[in-house]
Structure formats: structure tokens, C-alpha cells
Protein backbone atom coordinates (compact mmCIF):
# COMPACT_ATOMS: atom_id res chain seq x y z
CA MET A 1 59.74 96.28 137.50
CA THR A 2 56.99 93.78 136.70
CA ASN A 3 57.12 91.45 133.73
CA THR A 4 54.36 93.53 132.02
CA GLU A 5 56.44 96.67 132.55
CA GLN A 6 59.48 95.00 131.19
CA THR A 7 57.53 93.82 128.17
CA GLY A 8 56.23 97.30 127.61
CA ALA A 9 59.67 98.88 127.97
CA THR A 10 61.11 96.38 125.53
CA GLN A 11 58.31 97.04 123.05
CA VAL A 12 58.86 100.79 123.30
CA ALA A 13 62.60 100.27 122.70
CA ARG A 14 61.83 98.30 119.55
CA MET A 15 59.46 100.96 118.43
CA ARG A 16 62.00 103.72 118.94
CA THR A 17 64.58 101.70 117.08
CA ALA A 18 62.30 101.34 114.08
CA ILE A 19 61.40 105.02 114.10
CA GLY A 20 65.10 105.81 114.40
CA GLN A 21 65.85 103.74 111.39
CA ALA A 22 63.50 105.75 109.22
CA VAL A 23 64.47 109.03 110.76
CA ALA A 24 68.17 108.32 110.15
CA THR A 25 67.50 108.54 106.40
CA GLY A 26 65.34 111.68 106.76
CA PRO A 27 67.99 114.42 106.76
CA ALA A 28 69.61 113.10 103.60
CA PHE A 29 66.24 112.86 101.93
CA LEU A 30 65.33 116.40 102.98
CA ARG A 31 68.64 117.70 101.62
CA GLY A 32 67.90 116.03 98.28
CA GLU A 33 70.66 113.44 98.62
CA VAL A 34 68.14 110.53 98.70
CA ASP A 35 65.05 110.30 96.52
CA ALA A 36 61.49 109.84 97.67
CA ASP A 37 61.44 106.22 96.48
CA HIS A 38 64.43 105.32 98.72
CA MET A 39 62.96 107.24 101.68
CA ALA A 40 59.53 105.51 101.31
CA HIS A 41 61.23 102.06 101.14
CA ALA A 42 63.21 102.96 104.30
CA MET A 43 59.97 103.96 106.13
CA VAL A 44 58.19 100.71 105.19
CA SER A 45 61.24 98.58 105.92
CA ALA A 46 61.60 100.08 109.38
CA VAL A 47 58.00 99.30 110.28
CA ARG A 48 58.16 95.82 108.85
CA GLY A 49 61.32 95.15 110.79
CA TYR A 50 59.56 96.23 113.95
CA ALA A 51 56.54 94.04 113.27
CA GLU A 52 58.86 91.04 112.62
CA ALA A 53 60.74 91.74 115.90
CA GLU A 54 57.41 91.76 117.73
CA ARG A 55 56.40 88.46 116.18
CA THR A 56 59.76 86.96 117.05
CA ALA A 57 59.31 88.10 120.66
CA GLY A 58 55.92 86.38 120.78
CA SER A 59 53.98 89.58 120.93
CA ASP A 60 50.52 90.03 119.43
CA GLY A 61 51.50 93.62 118.49
CA ARG A 62 49.19 95.37 120.84
CA PRO A 63 50.73 98.34 122.59
CA ARG A 64 51.78 97.69 126.19
CA GLY A 65 51.17 101.07 127.78
CA GLN A 66 50.53 104.68 126.88
CA GLU A 67 53.92 105.49 125.36
CA ALA A 68 53.72 102.32 123.15
CA ALA A 69 50.21 103.38 122.02
CA GLU A 70 51.56 106.81 121.03
CA LEU A 71 54.56 105.35 119.22
CA GLN A 72 52.32 102.86 117.42
CA GLN A 73 50.60 105.87 115.82
CA VAL A 74 53.99 107.13 114.65
CA LEU A 75 54.71 103.69 113.10
CA ALA A 76 51.32 103.74 111.49
CA GLU A 77 52.12 107.15 109.91
CA LEU A 78 55.49 105.91 108.59
CA MET A 79 53.82 102.82 107.05
CA GLY A 80 50.89 104.76 105.64
CA CYS A 81 53.04 107.43 104.19
CA GLY A 82 55.69 105.18 102.86
CA SER A 83 53.40 102.62 101.35
CA GLY A 84 51.03 105.32 100.06
CA TYR A 85 53.92 106.82 98.15
CA LEU A 86 55.03 103.49 96.79
CA ALA A 87 51.41 102.81 95.66
CA GLY A 88 51.25 106.13 93.86
CA ARG A 89 48.61 107.60 96.29
CA CYS A 90 50.81 110.54 97.23
CA ASP A 91 53.86 112.37 96.02
CA GLY A 92 57.38 113.20 97.24
CA ALA A 93 56.20 116.42 98.84
CA CYS A 94 53.88 114.40 101.07
CA VAL A 95 56.80 112.19 102.13
CA ALA A 96 58.89 115.35 102.75
CA ARG A 97 56.20 116.79 105.04
CA THR A 98 56.01 113.55 107.00
CA MET A 99 59.73 113.20 107.33
CA THR A 100 60.18 116.88 108.31
CA ALA A 101 57.80 116.26 111.19
CA MET A 102 59.53 112.94 112.12
CA VAL A 103 63.03 114.43 112.05
CA ARG A 104 61.93 117.37 114.18
CA GLU A 105 60.25 115.14 116.79
CA PHE A 106 62.62 112.11 116.80
CA GLY A 107 65.87 113.29 115.12
CA GLN A 108 69.06 113.61 117.04
CA PRO A 109 70.52 117.10 117.50
CA GLY A 110 73.69 117.77 115.63
């Protein structure tokens, strides 16, 4: 594996970790056990944590490969939806739609 491939694989792992952090809260939110405010903060926090990990690793944040480019769009959706809710630009139903899709795509069976 080349250094570029390793860097891309590490970036993808960090992206998946961030997505997983937000998705982990999703089922409780969708069951009504966690409110939309908490869910939105979890979404934003996960993306900010990823961005900080990238900076710490010396990355400029650009996706390193196709999978990273696709996951970057997922992170953008998490940030856009979460921050949009916190700014009053959308409602809890919008957060629920986003998290339903995220849990379906990235949630663990069980």
C-alpha cells in the first residue's frame, strides 16, 4: 500500500468513525428517547471532531479517493442538517428524516 493509499484509508476510517458517532445516537432519537436538540448537537460534534482529527493529522481536509469523497458528502449532510436545526432553519422532522436515512445506511444491525 502506498503512502497516499494509507493516508486515504486512514481518512476514510476517521470519516466512518465520525458518521458512526452521530448514527449511534440516531436510534434513541428516532424512538423519542433523545430530543432533536441533543441529536443536532451530536451531529455537529461528530463532524467537528472529524475536522479536528484531520487538522491534527496534518491534512488539508480534501478527500483522498472516491470513498472519501462520498463520505465527505455524508459529513456535509450531518453538519448542514445539525447546524441548520440549531440555527432554526429546519425542524425536528427534518432531523428525523436525515437520521432515518443515516441509520439505514450506516447503522449496525441488531
